[in-house]
N, C-alpha and C. Protein backbone atom coordinates (compact mmCIF):
# COMPACT_ATOMS: atom_id res chain seq x y z
N MET A 1 58.53 102.74 171.25
CA MET A 1 58.19 103.67 170.17
C MET A 1 58.79 105.04 170.42
N SER A 2 58.97 105.43 171.70
CA SER A 2 59.54 106.73 172.02
C SER A 2 61.05 106.65 172.19
N GLU A 3 61.61 105.46 171.94
CA GLU A 3 63.03 105.25 172.10
C GLU A 3 63.82 106.19 171.20
N GLN A 4 64.92 106.73 171.75
CA GLN A 4 65.71 107.69 171.00
C GLN A 4 66.38 107.03 169.81
N GLU A 5 66.26 107.66 168.67
CA GLU A 5 66.83 107.16 167.43
C GLU A 5 68.33 107.39 167.41
N GLY A 6 69.04 106.52 166.70
CA GLY A 6 70.46 106.75 166.43
C GLY A 6 71.42 106.43 167.54
N VAL A 7 70.97 105.76 168.60
CA VAL A 7 71.86 105.44 169.72
C VAL A 7 72.55 104.11 169.46
N ILE A 8 73.88 104.09 169.51
CA ILE A 8 74.64 102.86 169.32
C ILE A 8 74.57 102.07 170.62
N LYS A 9 74.01 100.85 170.54
CA LYS A 9 73.81 100.03 171.73
C LYS A 9 74.82 98.90 171.85
N TYR A 10 75.55 98.62 170.78
CA TYR A 10 76.50 97.53 170.83
C TYR A 10 77.87 98.03 171.27
N HIS A 11 78.73 97.10 171.67
CA HIS A 11 80.11 97.46 172.01
C HIS A 11 80.88 97.67 170.71
N LEU A 12 81.49 98.82 170.57
CA LEU A 12 82.17 99.17 169.33
C LEU A 12 83.66 99.33 169.55
N ASN A 13 84.43 98.59 168.78
CA ASN A 13 85.89 98.75 168.75
C ASN A 13 86.22 99.35 167.39
N HIS A 14 86.41 100.67 167.37
CA HIS A 14 86.56 101.37 166.09
C HIS A 14 87.94 101.98 165.96
N CYS A 15 88.54 101.78 164.77
CA CYS A 15 89.84 102.37 164.45
C CYS A 15 89.62 103.51 163.46
N TYR A 16 89.96 104.72 163.85
CA TYR A 16 89.80 105.87 162.96
C TYR A 16 90.95 105.90 161.96
N ALA A 17 90.62 105.56 160.72
CA ALA A 17 91.62 105.52 159.65
C ALA A 17 90.89 105.62 158.32
N PRO A 18 91.53 106.17 157.28
CA PRO A 18 90.88 106.26 155.97
C PRO A 18 90.56 104.88 155.42
N LEU A 19 89.46 104.79 154.67
CA LEU A 19 89.14 103.55 153.98
C LEU A 19 90.16 103.28 152.89
N ALA A 20 90.44 102.03 152.61
CA ALA A 20 91.37 101.68 151.55
C ALA A 20 90.89 102.24 150.22
N SER A 21 91.80 102.79 149.46
CA SER A 21 91.43 103.43 148.19
C SER A 21 90.83 102.43 147.19
N ALA A 22 91.12 101.14 147.38
CA ALA A 22 90.60 100.12 146.46
C ALA A 22 89.11 99.87 146.66
N ILE A 23 88.55 100.32 147.77
CA ILE A 23 87.13 100.11 148.05
C ILE A 23 86.31 101.15 147.29
N SER A 24 85.49 100.70 146.36
CA SER A 24 84.65 101.61 145.58
C SER A 24 83.34 101.89 146.31
N LEU A 25 82.99 103.16 146.39
CA LEU A 25 81.75 103.58 147.04
C LEU A 25 80.75 104.14 146.03
N ALA A 26 81.06 104.04 144.75
CA ALA A 26 80.22 104.67 143.73
C ALA A 26 78.79 104.15 143.75
N GLU A 27 78.62 102.84 143.75
CA GLU A 27 77.27 102.27 143.69
C GLU A 27 76.49 102.52 144.97
N ILE A 28 77.11 102.26 146.10
CA ILE A 28 76.39 102.44 147.36
C ILE A 28 76.02 103.91 147.57
N ASN A 29 76.90 104.82 147.16
CA ASN A 29 76.60 106.23 147.35
C ASN A 29 75.49 106.70 146.41
N ALA A 30 75.43 106.12 145.21
CA ALA A 30 74.36 106.47 144.28
C ALA A 30 73.01 106.06 144.84
N TRP A 31 72.91 104.84 145.36
CA TRP A 31 71.64 104.39 145.93
C TRP A 31 71.30 105.11 147.22
N ARG A 32 72.33 105.45 147.98
CA ARG A 32 72.06 106.22 149.21
C ARG A 32 71.47 107.58 148.85
N SER A 33 71.96 108.20 147.78
CA SER A 33 71.42 109.49 147.34
C SER A 33 69.96 109.37 146.93
N ILE A 34 69.61 108.26 146.27
CA ILE A 34 68.22 108.04 145.87
C ILE A 34 67.34 107.86 147.11
N MET A 35 67.82 107.10 148.09
CA MET A 35 67.05 106.91 149.32
C MET A 35 66.83 108.25 150.03
N TYR A 36 67.83 109.11 149.97
CA TYR A 36 67.71 110.44 150.57
C TYR A 36 66.65 111.26 149.85
N LYS A 37 66.67 111.23 148.53
CA LYS A 37 65.71 112.00 147.74
C LYS A 37 64.28 111.51 147.97
N LEU A 38 64.13 110.23 148.28
CA LEU A 38 62.81 109.66 148.56
C LEU A 38 62.40 109.85 150.02
N ASN A 39 63.25 110.51 150.80
CA ASN A 39 63.00 110.76 152.22
C ASN A 39 62.90 109.46 153.02
N LEU A 40 63.58 108.43 152.56
CA LEU A 40 63.64 107.17 153.27
C LEU A 40 64.86 107.12 154.19
N ILE A 41 65.86 107.89 153.85
CA ILE A 41 67.03 108.15 154.70
C ILE A 41 67.13 109.66 154.82
N GLY A 42 67.38 110.16 156.01
CA GLY A 42 67.47 111.61 156.15
C GLY A 42 67.45 112.07 157.59
N GLN A 43 67.00 113.28 157.77
CA GLN A 43 66.89 113.88 159.10
C GLN A 43 65.82 114.95 159.05
N ASP A 44 64.95 114.95 160.06
CA ASP A 44 63.83 115.87 160.12
C ASP A 44 63.64 116.28 161.57
N GLU A 45 63.65 117.56 161.84
CA GLU A 45 63.55 118.02 163.22
C GLU A 45 62.24 117.60 163.89
N TYR A 46 61.24 117.24 163.08
CA TYR A 46 59.94 116.86 163.63
C TYR A 46 59.76 115.34 163.75
N ARG A 47 60.76 114.57 163.35
CA ARG A 47 60.67 113.11 163.41
C ARG A 47 61.81 112.55 164.26
N TYR A 48 61.47 111.59 165.11
CA TYR A 48 62.47 110.83 165.88
C TYR A 48 63.40 111.73 166.70
N GLY A 49 62.82 112.76 167.29
CA GLY A 49 63.60 113.65 168.14
C GLY A 49 64.63 114.46 167.40
N GLY A 50 64.49 114.56 166.08
CA GLY A 50 65.42 115.34 165.29
C GLY A 50 66.68 114.60 164.88
N TYR A 51 66.77 113.32 165.24
CA TYR A 51 67.97 112.55 164.90
C TYR A 51 67.89 112.01 163.47
N GLY A 52 69.05 111.76 162.88
CA GLY A 52 69.10 111.18 161.55
C GLY A 52 68.54 109.77 161.55
N PHE A 53 68.07 109.32 160.39
CA PHE A 53 67.49 107.98 160.31
C PHE A 53 67.87 107.31 158.99
N GLY A 54 67.97 105.99 159.04
CA GLY A 54 68.25 105.19 157.86
C GLY A 54 69.73 105.01 157.58
N ASN A 55 70.07 103.90 156.94
CA ASN A 55 71.45 103.61 156.59
C ASN A 55 71.48 102.54 155.51
N ILE A 56 72.62 102.38 154.90
CA ILE A 56 72.76 101.48 153.76
C ILE A 56 74.11 100.79 153.82
N SER A 57 74.15 99.52 153.41
CA SER A 57 75.42 98.79 153.46
C SER A 57 75.57 97.89 152.26
N GLN A 58 76.82 97.51 152.00
CA GLN A 58 77.16 96.63 150.88
C GLN A 58 78.30 95.72 151.31
N LYS A 59 78.10 94.44 151.09
CA LYS A 59 79.10 93.45 151.47
C LYS A 59 80.31 93.53 150.54
N LEU A 60 81.49 93.30 151.10
CA LEU A 60 82.70 93.25 150.28
C LEU A 60 82.90 91.84 149.74
N PRO A 61 83.53 91.71 148.58
CA PRO A 61 83.75 90.39 147.98
C PRO A 61 84.90 89.66 148.66
N THR A 62 84.71 89.35 149.94
CA THR A 62 85.72 88.62 150.70
C THR A 62 85.08 87.37 151.29
N LYS A 63 85.90 86.46 151.77
CA LYS A 63 85.39 85.23 152.37
C LYS A 63 84.82 85.48 153.76
N THR A 64 85.24 86.55 154.39
CA THR A 64 84.74 86.89 155.70
C THR A 64 83.59 87.88 155.59
N LEU A 65 82.82 88.01 156.65
CA LEU A 65 81.66 88.90 156.63
C LEU A 65 82.13 90.33 156.92
N GLN A 66 82.47 91.05 155.87
CA GLN A 66 82.86 92.45 155.98
C GLN A 66 81.97 93.27 155.07
N PHE A 67 81.58 94.44 155.55
CA PHE A 67 80.71 95.27 154.73
C PHE A 67 80.93 96.76 155.01
N ILE A 68 80.69 97.53 153.94
CA ILE A 68 80.72 98.98 154.04
C ILE A 68 79.35 99.45 154.48
N ILE A 69 79.29 100.42 155.39
CA ILE A 69 78.01 100.94 155.85
C ILE A 69 78.13 102.46 156.06
N SER A 70 77.04 103.16 155.81
CA SER A 70 77.04 104.60 156.04
C SER A 70 77.22 104.88 157.53
N GLY A 71 77.86 106.00 157.83
CA GLY A 71 78.21 106.32 159.20
C GLY A 71 77.04 106.80 160.04
N THR A 72 77.23 106.72 161.35
CA THR A 72 76.20 107.15 162.28
C THR A 72 75.94 108.65 162.14
N GLN A 73 74.67 109.01 162.22
CA GLN A 73 74.22 110.39 162.16
C GLN A 73 74.76 111.16 160.94
N THR A 74 74.58 110.54 159.79
CA THR A 74 74.90 111.21 158.53
C THR A 74 73.63 111.50 157.73
N GLY A 75 72.48 111.27 158.35
CA GLY A 75 71.21 111.43 157.65
C GLY A 75 70.95 112.82 157.10
N HIS A 76 71.53 113.82 157.74
CA HIS A 76 71.28 115.21 157.32
C HIS A 76 72.05 115.58 156.05
N LEU A 77 72.98 114.73 155.64
CA LEU A 77 73.82 115.04 154.48
C LEU A 77 73.17 114.54 153.20
N GLU A 78 72.99 115.43 152.24
CA GLU A 78 72.39 115.04 150.97
C GLU A 78 73.33 114.14 150.17
N GLN A 79 74.62 114.42 150.24
CA GLN A 79 75.61 113.63 149.51
C GLN A 79 76.72 113.23 150.48
N LEU A 80 77.02 111.94 150.54
CA LEU A 80 78.07 111.47 151.43
C LEU A 80 79.42 111.42 150.70
N SER A 81 80.47 111.51 151.47
CA SER A 81 81.83 111.39 150.95
C SER A 81 82.46 110.13 151.54
N ARG A 82 83.70 109.84 151.20
CA ARG A 82 84.38 108.68 151.77
C ARG A 82 84.52 108.79 153.28
N TYR A 83 84.52 110.01 153.77
CA TYR A 83 84.64 110.23 155.22
C TYR A 83 83.39 109.77 155.97
N ASP A 84 82.30 109.58 155.25
CA ASP A 84 81.01 109.29 155.88
C ASP A 84 80.63 107.82 155.85
N TYR A 85 81.56 106.98 155.41
CA TYR A 85 81.34 105.53 155.40
C TYR A 85 82.39 104.87 156.28
N CYS A 86 82.09 103.65 156.70
CA CYS A 86 83.11 102.89 157.42
C CYS A 86 83.02 101.43 157.02
N LEU A 87 84.03 100.68 157.38
CA LEU A 87 84.11 99.26 157.07
C LEU A 87 83.94 98.46 158.36
N VAL A 88 82.93 97.62 158.40
CA VAL A 88 82.77 96.68 159.51
C VAL A 88 83.63 95.47 159.18
N THR A 89 84.63 95.24 160.00
CA THR A 89 85.58 94.16 159.73
C THR A 89 85.20 92.86 160.43
N ASP A 90 84.52 92.97 161.55
CA ASP A 90 84.03 91.81 162.28
C ASP A 90 82.75 92.20 163.00
N ALA A 91 81.80 91.27 163.03
CA ALA A 91 80.55 91.52 163.75
C ALA A 91 80.18 90.26 164.53
N PHE A 92 79.81 90.47 165.77
CA PHE A 92 79.45 89.35 166.65
C PHE A 92 78.10 89.65 167.29
N PRO A 93 77.00 89.40 166.55
CA PRO A 93 75.66 89.75 167.05
C PRO A 93 75.35 89.16 168.42
N GLN A 94 75.75 87.91 168.63
CA GLN A 94 75.42 87.27 169.91
C GLN A 94 76.20 87.89 171.08
N ASN A 95 77.36 88.46 170.78
CA ASN A 95 78.17 89.12 171.82
C ASN A 95 77.95 90.62 171.85
N ASN A 96 77.06 91.11 170.96
CA ASN A 96 76.71 92.53 170.93
C ASN A 96 77.94 93.41 170.66
N SER A 97 78.77 93.00 169.72
CA SER A 97 79.99 93.78 169.48
C SER A 97 80.32 93.84 167.99
N ILE A 98 81.01 94.91 167.64
CA ILE A 98 81.42 95.16 166.25
C ILE A 98 82.82 95.75 166.25
N ASN A 99 83.63 95.32 165.30
CA ASN A 99 84.92 95.94 165.02
C ASN A 99 84.82 96.66 163.69
N SER A 100 85.33 97.86 163.64
CA SER A 100 85.20 98.64 162.40
C SER A 100 86.37 99.60 162.24
N THR A 101 86.47 100.12 161.01
CA THR A 101 87.49 101.11 160.72
C THR A 101 86.93 102.13 159.73
N GLY A 102 87.46 103.33 159.75
CA GLY A 102 86.98 104.38 158.88
C GLY A 102 87.03 105.71 159.59
N GLU A 103 86.73 106.78 158.87
CA GLU A 103 86.75 108.11 159.47
C GLU A 103 85.40 108.50 160.04
N SER A 104 84.43 107.56 159.96
CA SER A 104 83.13 107.72 160.59
C SER A 104 82.81 106.42 161.31
N ARG A 105 82.12 106.49 162.42
CA ARG A 105 81.70 105.28 163.12
C ARG A 105 80.49 104.66 162.41
N PRO A 106 80.28 103.35 162.54
CA PRO A 106 79.15 102.71 161.86
C PRO A 106 77.81 103.11 162.44
N SER A 107 76.79 102.96 161.63
CA SER A 107 75.43 103.26 162.04
C SER A 107 75.01 102.44 163.25
N SER A 108 74.03 102.95 163.97
CA SER A 108 73.50 102.25 165.14
C SER A 108 72.83 100.94 164.76
N GLU A 109 72.47 100.76 163.50
CA GLU A 109 71.82 99.53 163.03
C GLU A 109 72.81 98.55 162.41
N ALA A 110 74.10 98.78 162.55
CA ALA A 110 75.10 97.92 161.92
C ALA A 110 74.98 96.47 162.37
N LEU A 111 74.60 96.25 163.63
CA LEU A 111 74.46 94.89 164.14
C LEU A 111 73.33 94.15 163.43
N THR A 112 72.25 94.87 163.11
CA THR A 112 71.14 94.26 162.38
C THR A 112 71.56 93.92 160.95
N HIS A 113 72.30 94.82 160.31
CA HIS A 113 72.84 94.54 158.97
C HIS A 113 73.68 93.26 159.01
N ALA A 114 74.56 93.16 160.01
CA ALA A 114 75.42 91.99 160.14
C ALA A 114 74.59 90.73 160.32
N SER A 115 73.51 90.83 161.06
CA SER A 115 72.65 89.67 161.29
C SER A 115 72.01 89.19 160.00
N VAL A 116 71.59 90.13 159.15
CA VAL A 116 70.99 89.75 157.87
C VAL A 116 72.04 89.07 156.98
N TYR A 117 73.23 89.65 156.89
CA TYR A 117 74.29 89.06 156.07
C TYR A 117 74.63 87.64 156.53
N ALA A 118 74.58 87.43 157.84
CA ALA A 118 74.97 86.13 158.39
C ALA A 118 73.99 85.02 158.03
N GLN A 119 72.78 85.37 157.61
CA GLN A 119 71.75 84.36 157.33
C GLN A 119 71.93 83.69 155.98
N ASP A 120 72.50 84.40 155.01
CA ASP A 120 72.56 83.89 153.65
C ASP A 120 73.73 84.52 152.92
N ASP A 121 74.65 83.71 152.44
CA ASP A 121 75.83 84.23 151.73
C ASP A 121 75.45 84.98 150.46
N ALA A 122 74.24 84.71 149.93
CA ALA A 122 73.82 85.37 148.70
C ALA A 122 73.47 86.84 148.91
N VAL A 123 73.17 87.22 150.16
CA VAL A 123 72.82 88.61 150.45
C VAL A 123 74.06 89.48 150.34
N GLN A 124 73.99 90.49 149.49
CA GLN A 124 75.12 91.37 149.24
C GLN A 124 74.84 92.82 149.61
N ALA A 125 73.60 93.13 149.97
CA ALA A 125 73.25 94.52 150.28
C ALA A 125 72.08 94.55 151.25
N VAL A 126 72.12 95.52 152.15
CA VAL A 126 71.04 95.73 153.12
C VAL A 126 70.75 97.22 153.19
N ILE A 127 69.48 97.56 153.16
CA ILE A 127 69.07 98.97 153.27
C ILE A 127 68.07 99.09 154.40
N HIS A 128 68.36 99.95 155.35
CA HIS A 128 67.45 100.22 156.46
C HIS A 128 66.91 101.64 156.29
N VAL A 129 65.60 101.75 156.17
CA VAL A 129 64.98 103.06 156.00
C VAL A 129 63.86 103.25 157.01
N HIS A 130 63.33 104.45 157.03
CA HIS A 130 62.15 104.74 157.84
C HIS A 130 61.04 105.18 156.89
N SER A 131 60.00 104.37 156.82
CA SER A 131 58.89 104.64 155.92
C SER A 131 57.58 104.45 156.65
N PRO A 132 56.93 105.53 157.11
CA PRO A 132 55.64 105.40 157.78
C PRO A 132 54.60 104.63 156.96
N PRO A 133 54.47 104.87 155.63
CA PRO A 133 53.45 104.13 154.87
C PRO A 133 53.67 102.62 154.86
N ILE A 134 54.91 102.18 154.65
CA ILE A 134 55.18 100.75 154.64
C ILE A 134 54.94 100.18 156.03
N TRP A 135 55.45 100.84 157.04
CA TRP A 135 55.36 100.37 158.43
C TRP A 135 53.90 100.25 158.87
N ARG A 136 53.09 101.27 158.54
CA ARG A 136 51.67 101.25 158.91
C ARG A 136 50.93 100.11 158.25
N ASN A 137 51.37 99.73 157.06
CA ASN A 137 50.65 98.73 156.28
C ASN A 137 51.35 97.37 156.27
N THR A 138 52.12 97.11 157.32
CA THR A 138 52.84 95.84 157.43
C THR A 138 51.91 94.64 157.18
N HIS A 139 50.77 94.63 157.86
CA HIS A 139 49.88 93.48 157.77
C HIS A 139 49.12 93.47 156.44
N ALA A 140 48.70 94.63 155.98
CA ALA A 140 47.97 94.70 154.70
C ALA A 140 48.87 94.25 153.54
N LEU A 141 50.15 94.53 153.65
CA LEU A 141 51.10 94.13 152.61
C LEU A 141 51.63 92.71 152.82
N GLN A 142 51.21 92.09 153.92
CA GLN A 142 51.65 90.74 154.27
C GLN A 142 53.17 90.64 154.37
N LEU A 143 53.75 91.67 154.98
CA LEU A 143 55.20 91.70 155.14
C LEU A 143 55.63 90.92 156.38
N ALA A 144 56.75 90.26 156.27
CA ALA A 144 57.36 89.66 157.45
C ALA A 144 57.71 90.80 158.42
N HIS A 145 57.72 90.50 159.72
CA HIS A 145 57.99 91.57 160.68
C HIS A 145 58.59 91.03 161.97
N ILE A 146 59.36 91.90 162.61
CA ILE A 146 59.93 91.64 163.92
C ILE A 146 58.93 92.13 164.96
N PRO A 147 58.66 91.36 166.02
CA PRO A 147 57.66 91.77 167.02
C PRO A 147 57.97 93.12 167.67
N ALA A 148 56.92 93.75 168.16
CA ALA A 148 57.03 95.10 168.71
C ALA A 148 57.84 95.17 170.00
N ASP A 149 58.05 94.05 170.66
CA ASP A 149 58.79 94.09 171.93
C ASP A 149 60.30 93.89 171.73
N ILE A 150 60.76 93.89 170.47
CA ILE A 150 62.19 93.73 170.18
C ILE A 150 62.78 95.08 169.81
N ALA A 151 63.78 95.54 170.57
CA ALA A 151 64.40 96.84 170.33
C ALA A 151 65.49 96.72 169.27
N TYR A 152 65.71 97.81 168.53
CA TYR A 152 66.71 97.80 167.47
C TYR A 152 68.12 97.77 168.03
N GLY A 153 69.05 97.27 167.22
CA GLY A 153 70.47 97.33 167.56
C GLY A 153 70.87 96.52 168.77
N THR A 154 70.15 95.42 169.05
CA THR A 154 70.41 94.61 170.23
C THR A 154 70.58 93.14 169.84
N PRO A 155 71.16 92.30 170.73
CA PRO A 155 71.23 90.87 170.46
C PRO A 155 69.84 90.27 170.25
N ALA A 156 68.84 90.80 170.94
CA ALA A 156 67.47 90.31 170.76
C ALA A 156 67.00 90.52 169.32
N MET A 157 67.38 91.66 168.74
CA MET A 157 67.03 91.92 167.35
C MET A 157 67.78 90.95 166.43
N ALA A 158 69.04 90.69 166.73
CA ALA A 158 69.82 89.74 165.94
C ALA A 158 69.18 88.36 165.97
N ASN A 159 68.73 87.93 167.15
CA ASN A 159 68.06 86.63 167.28
C ASN A 159 66.75 86.62 166.51
N ALA A 160 66.03 87.74 166.56
CA ALA A 160 64.75 87.83 165.86
C ALA A 160 64.94 87.75 164.35
N VAL A 161 66.02 88.35 163.85
CA VAL A 161 66.32 88.27 162.42
C VAL A 161 66.59 86.83 162.03
N THR A 162 67.36 86.12 162.86
CA THR A 162 67.64 84.70 162.60
C THR A 162 66.35 83.89 162.55
N ASP A 163 65.47 84.13 163.52
CA ASP A 163 64.19 83.42 163.55
C ASP A 163 63.35 83.73 162.31
N LEU A 164 63.40 84.99 161.88
CA LEU A 164 62.63 85.40 160.71
C LEU A 164 63.09 84.64 159.46
N PHE A 165 64.39 84.51 159.31
CA PHE A 165 64.92 83.80 158.14
C PHE A 165 64.62 82.30 158.20
N LYS A 166 64.47 81.77 159.38
CA LYS A 166 64.14 80.35 159.52
C LYS A 166 62.70 80.07 159.10
N THR A 167 61.83 81.06 159.27
CA THR A 167 60.41 80.84 159.01
C THR A 167 59.93 81.40 157.69
N GLN A 168 60.70 82.29 157.08
CA GLN A 168 60.27 82.93 155.84
C GLN A 168 61.01 82.35 154.63
N GLN A 169 60.28 82.20 153.52
CA GLN A 169 60.88 81.76 152.28
C GLN A 169 61.22 82.94 151.36
N TRP A 170 60.76 84.13 151.72
CA TRP A 170 61.04 85.35 150.98
C TRP A 170 60.62 85.26 149.51
N GLN A 171 59.53 84.56 149.28
CA GLN A 171 59.00 84.47 147.92
C GLN A 171 58.19 85.71 147.57
N HIS A 172 57.63 86.34 148.59
CA HIS A 172 56.79 87.53 148.36
C HIS A 172 57.67 88.75 148.09
N THR A 173 58.49 89.13 149.06
CA THR A 173 59.41 90.25 148.89
C THR A 173 60.46 90.21 149.98
N ALA A 174 61.68 90.62 149.66
CA ALA A 174 62.79 90.61 150.61
C ALA A 174 62.79 91.90 151.42
N VAL A 175 61.67 92.16 152.07
CA VAL A 175 61.48 93.35 152.90
C VAL A 175 60.80 92.91 154.18
N PHE A 176 61.28 93.42 155.32
CA PHE A 176 60.57 93.16 156.56
C PHE A 176 60.56 94.43 157.42
N THR A 177 59.59 94.50 158.31
CA THR A 177 59.45 95.66 159.17
C THR A 177 59.84 95.31 160.60
N MET A 178 60.23 96.34 161.35
CA MET A 178 60.57 96.19 162.77
C MET A 178 59.51 96.95 163.56
N LEU A 179 58.54 96.23 164.08
CA LEU A 179 57.41 96.89 164.72
C LEU A 179 57.79 97.58 166.03
N GLY A 180 58.92 97.22 166.61
CA GLY A 180 59.38 97.89 167.82
C GLY A 180 60.30 99.06 167.54
N HIS A 181 60.50 99.38 166.28
CA HIS A 181 61.40 100.46 165.85
C HIS A 181 60.59 101.34 164.92
N GLU A 182 60.07 102.42 165.42
CA GLU A 182 59.08 103.23 164.70
C GLU A 182 59.47 103.50 163.25
N ASP A 183 58.61 103.05 162.33
CA ASP A 183 58.76 103.24 160.88
C ASP A 183 59.94 102.47 160.29
N GLY A 184 60.57 101.59 161.07
CA GLY A 184 61.78 100.91 160.63
C GLY A 184 61.52 99.78 159.64
N ILE A 185 62.20 99.84 158.51
CA ILE A 185 62.06 98.87 157.44
C ILE A 185 63.45 98.38 157.01
N ILE A 186 63.56 97.08 156.73
CA ILE A 186 64.80 96.51 156.20
C ILE A 186 64.51 95.86 154.85
N ALA A 187 65.33 96.16 153.86
CA ALA A 187 65.28 95.48 152.56
C ALA A 187 66.66 94.90 152.29
N PHE A 188 66.71 93.76 151.64
CA PHE A 188 68.00 93.13 151.36
C PHE A 188 67.94 92.45 150.00
N GLY A 189 69.10 92.09 149.47
CA GLY A 189 69.10 91.45 148.18
C GLY A 189 70.48 91.01 147.76
N THR A 190 70.54 90.37 146.60
CA THR A 190 71.81 89.92 146.05
C THR A 190 72.61 91.07 145.45
N SER A 191 71.99 92.24 145.41
CA SER A 191 72.66 93.46 144.94
C SER A 191 71.94 94.65 145.55
N LEU A 192 72.58 95.80 145.50
CA LEU A 192 71.93 97.02 145.97
C LEU A 192 70.70 97.33 145.12
N THR A 193 70.80 97.09 143.83
CA THR A 193 69.67 97.34 142.94
C THR A 193 68.47 96.49 143.33
N GLN A 194 68.70 95.21 143.59
CA GLN A 194 67.60 94.34 143.97
C GLN A 194 66.97 94.78 145.29
N ALA A 195 67.79 95.08 146.27
CA ALA A 195 67.27 95.51 147.57
C ALA A 195 66.47 96.81 147.43
N ALA A 196 67.01 97.76 146.68
CA ALA A 196 66.35 99.06 146.52
C ALA A 196 65.04 98.92 145.76
N CYS A 197 65.02 98.09 144.73
CA CYS A 197 63.79 97.92 143.94
C CYS A 197 62.71 97.23 144.76
N SER A 198 63.08 96.28 145.60
CA SER A 198 62.10 95.64 146.49
C SER A 198 61.50 96.67 147.44
N LEU A 199 62.36 97.54 147.95
CA LEU A 199 61.91 98.58 148.87
C LEU A 199 60.97 99.57 148.20
N ILE A 200 61.34 100.04 147.02
CA ILE A 200 60.53 101.02 146.30
C ILE A 200 59.20 100.40 145.88
N SER A 201 59.21 99.12 145.52
CA SER A 201 57.97 98.43 145.17
C SER A 201 57.04 98.35 146.38
N ALA A 202 57.60 98.05 147.55
CA ALA A 202 56.79 98.00 148.77
C ALA A 202 56.21 99.36 149.09
N LEU A 203 56.99 100.41 148.88
CA LEU A 203 56.49 101.77 149.13
C LEU A 203 55.34 102.10 148.19
N ALA A 204 55.48 101.75 146.91
CA ALA A 204 54.42 102.01 145.95
C ALA A 204 53.13 101.27 146.35
N SER A 205 53.27 100.03 146.79
CA SER A 205 52.10 99.25 147.21
C SER A 205 51.44 99.87 148.44
N ALA A 206 52.25 100.34 149.38
CA ALA A 206 51.72 100.96 150.58
C ALA A 206 50.97 102.26 150.25
N LEU A 207 51.56 103.07 149.37
CA LEU A 207 50.90 104.32 148.97
C LEU A 207 49.60 104.04 148.21
N ALA A 208 49.58 102.98 147.43
CA ALA A 208 48.35 102.62 146.70
C ALA A 208 47.24 102.26 147.67
N ILE A 209 47.58 101.54 148.74
CA ILE A 209 46.58 101.17 149.74
C ILE A 209 45.99 102.40 150.40
N GLU A 210 46.82 103.38 150.68
CA GLU A 210 46.37 104.56 151.43
C GLU A 210 45.65 105.59 150.55
N GLN A 211 45.69 105.40 149.25
CA GLN A 211 45.02 106.35 148.36
C GLN A 211 43.52 106.07 148.24
N PHE A 212 43.10 104.85 148.57
CA PHE A 212 41.70 104.49 148.36
C PHE A 212 41.09 103.88 149.62
């Protein structure tokens, strides 16, 4: 719980180069701005040691598992530019390694995003946020969750995500919490809109519980 936020734990092979102009960031950046306004992605000197938190990704329409993800420690920025995203070109959760390119390095949670994408080809978007209300009410909301002894951004987390998908039918909501990652929440979907709406719905339910 006291673990430092934002630390990249995987082996990263990153090429600093501009993203291809054909890659559109309009939709992902719009939803990232909404997550920022909701304080689900951001940076607060009084939370998590002052480090930025939360990230968002979108799969590319390719046969291989490639996805755009917001860059590490960009939480303090209200609006991101192309310089603040990167492309994960290869991800190997079991080997704890990622290959990427862009003018920003990938988020510390990129390995977890890759693990979610690897479970189901239908998943096209993953959003990782920090929401104390959702996290506190994991059990009351009957949310799927990763055990508290699993640290973020590790092969153990990747294995836990695989196990979660094997046991969950996701009929309730495509949102799960990481009990070993303070306030950590993952939402996913066949689109950014679906993932974001599932997340916002879970937040509304959590706030309703705490009001009464």
